[in-house]
Amino acid sequence: MAEKKAYPLRINAEVLAAAQRWADDELRSLNAQIEYALREALRKAGRLKSPASEGEDDGE
């Protein structure tokens, strides 16, 4: 499992409330929902490996 790091986040109250509602709908904590949304955005932008390739051996 990857190391977790704490990071203080300043966020617009309206965005925070919407994220909390989304987290509630998905039965996640707000922190997990924010990490999920960020991870998905990074994957779509090609900045993070897809879940299928994360566990693959690179031959080294």
C-alpha atoms as a PDB file:
ATOM      1  CA  MET A   1       0.000   0.000   0.000  1.00  0.00           C
ATOM      2  CA  ALA A   2       1.288   3.453  -0.875  1.00  0.00           C
ATOM      3  CA  GLU A   3       2.322   5.813   1.873  1.00  0.00           C
ATOM      4  CA  LYS A   4      -0.355   8.338   2.862  1.00  0.00           C
ATOM      5  CA  LYS A   5       0.602  11.961   3.456  1.00  0.00           C
ATOM      6  CA  ALA A   6      -1.453  14.659   5.128  1.00  0.00           C
ATOM      7  CA  TYR A   7      -2.079  17.840   3.156  1.00  0.00           C
ATOM      8  CA  PRO A   8      -4.081  20.849   4.352  1.00  0.00           C
ATOM      9  CA  LEU A   9      -6.662  21.767   1.732  1.00  0.00           C
ATOM     10  CA  ARG A  10      -8.350  25.136   1.392  1.00  0.00           C
ATOM     11  CA  ILE A  11     -11.534  24.677  -0.596  1.00  0.00           C
ATOM     12  CA  ASN A  12     -14.591  26.703  -1.536  1.00  0.00           C
ATOM     13  CA  ALA A  13     -17.506  25.969   0.831  1.00  0.00           C
ATOM     14  CA  GLU A  14     -19.912  25.246  -2.049  1.00  0.00           C
ATOM     15  CA  VAL A  15     -17.484  22.758  -3.618  1.00  0.00           C
ATOM     16  CA  LEU A  16     -16.918  21.126  -0.232  1.00  0.00           C
ATOM     17  CA  ALA A  17     -20.655  20.745   0.376  1.00  0.00           C
ATOM     18  CA  ALA A  18     -21.161  19.209  -3.080  1.00  0.00           C
ATOM     19  CA  ALA A  19     -18.264  16.800  -2.491  1.00  0.00           C
ATOM     20  CA  GLN A  20     -19.766  15.821   0.865  1.00  0.00           C
ATOM     21  CA  ARG A  21     -23.132  15.062  -0.753  1.00  0.00           C
ATOM     22  CA  TRP A  22     -21.368  13.001  -3.423  1.00  0.00           C
ATOM     23  CA  ALA A  23     -19.408  11.121  -0.757  1.00  0.00           C
ATOM     24  CA  ASP A  24     -22.606  10.431   1.160  1.00  0.00           C
ATOM     25  CA  ASP A  25     -24.260   9.077  -1.995  1.00  0.00           C
ATOM     26  CA  GLU A  26     -21.269   6.793  -2.665  1.00  0.00           C
ATOM     27  CA  LEU A  27     -20.985   5.707   1.012  1.00  0.00           C
ATOM     28  CA  ARG A  28     -17.442   7.087   1.245  1.00  0.00           C
ATOM     29  CA  SER A  29     -15.784   9.472   3.654  1.00  0.00           C
ATOM     30  CA  LEU A  30     -15.228  12.969   2.314  1.00  0.00           C
ATOM     31  CA  ASN A  31     -11.473  12.358   2.308  1.00  0.00           C
ATOM     32  CA  ALA A  32     -11.874   9.140   0.299  1.00  0.00           C
ATOM     33  CA  GLN A  33     -14.203  10.910  -2.141  1.00  0.00           C
ATOM     34  CA  ILE A  34     -11.743  13.744  -2.727  1.00  0.00           C
ATOM     35  CA  GLU A  35      -8.937  11.222  -3.295  1.00  0.00           C
ATOM     36  CA  TYR A  36     -11.180   9.226  -5.670  1.00  0.00           C
ATOM     37  CA  ALA A  37     -12.094  12.318  -7.716  1.00  0.00           C
ATOM     38  CA  LEU A  38      -8.481  13.466  -7.884  1.00  0.00           C
ATOM     39  CA  ARG A  39      -7.230   9.996  -8.859  1.00  0.00           C
ATOM     40  CA  GLU A  40      -9.834   9.719 -11.647  1.00  0.00           C
ATOM     41  CA  ALA A  41      -8.934  13.179 -12.984  1.00  0.00           C
ATOM     42  CA  LEU A  42      -5.237  12.227 -12.976  1.00  0.00           C
ATOM     43  CA  ARG A  43      -5.949   8.970 -14.823  1.00  0.00           C
ATOM     44  CA  LYS A  44      -8.048  10.728 -17.468  1.00  0.00           C
ATOM     45  CA  ALA A  45      -5.258  13.279 -17.972  1.00  0.00           C
ATOM     46  CA  GLY A  46      -2.720  10.475 -18.408  1.00  0.00           C
ATOM     47  CA  ARG A  47      -0.829  11.495 -15.286  1.00  0.00           C
ATOM     48  CA  LEU A  48      -1.463   8.303 -13.276  1.00  0.00           C
ATOM     49  CA  LYS A  49      -1.336   4.632 -14.210  1.00  0.00           C
ATOM     50  CA  SER A  50      -4.634   2.814 -14.656  1.00  0.00           C
ATOM     51  CA  PRO A  51      -5.709   0.380 -11.892  1.00  0.00           C
ATOM     52  CA  ALA A  52      -4.984  -2.647 -14.130  1.00  0.00           C
ATOM     53  CA  SER A  53      -1.345  -1.640 -14.649  1.00  0.00           C
ATOM     54  CA  GLU A  54      -0.602  -0.644 -11.039  1.00  0.00           C
ATOM     55  CA  GLY A  55      -0.100  -4.251  -9.897  1.00  0.00           C
ATOM     56  CA  GLU A  56       1.796  -5.452 -12.950  1.00  0.00           C
ATOM     57  CA  ASP A  57       5.449  -6.415 -12.759  1.00  0.00           C
ATOM     58  CA  ASP A  58       7.640  -4.287 -15.008  1.00  0.00           C
ATOM     59  CA  GLY A  59      10.236  -7.040 -15.396  1.00  0.00           C
ATOM     60  CA  GLU A  60      12.885  -5.547 -13.125  1.00  0.00           C
END
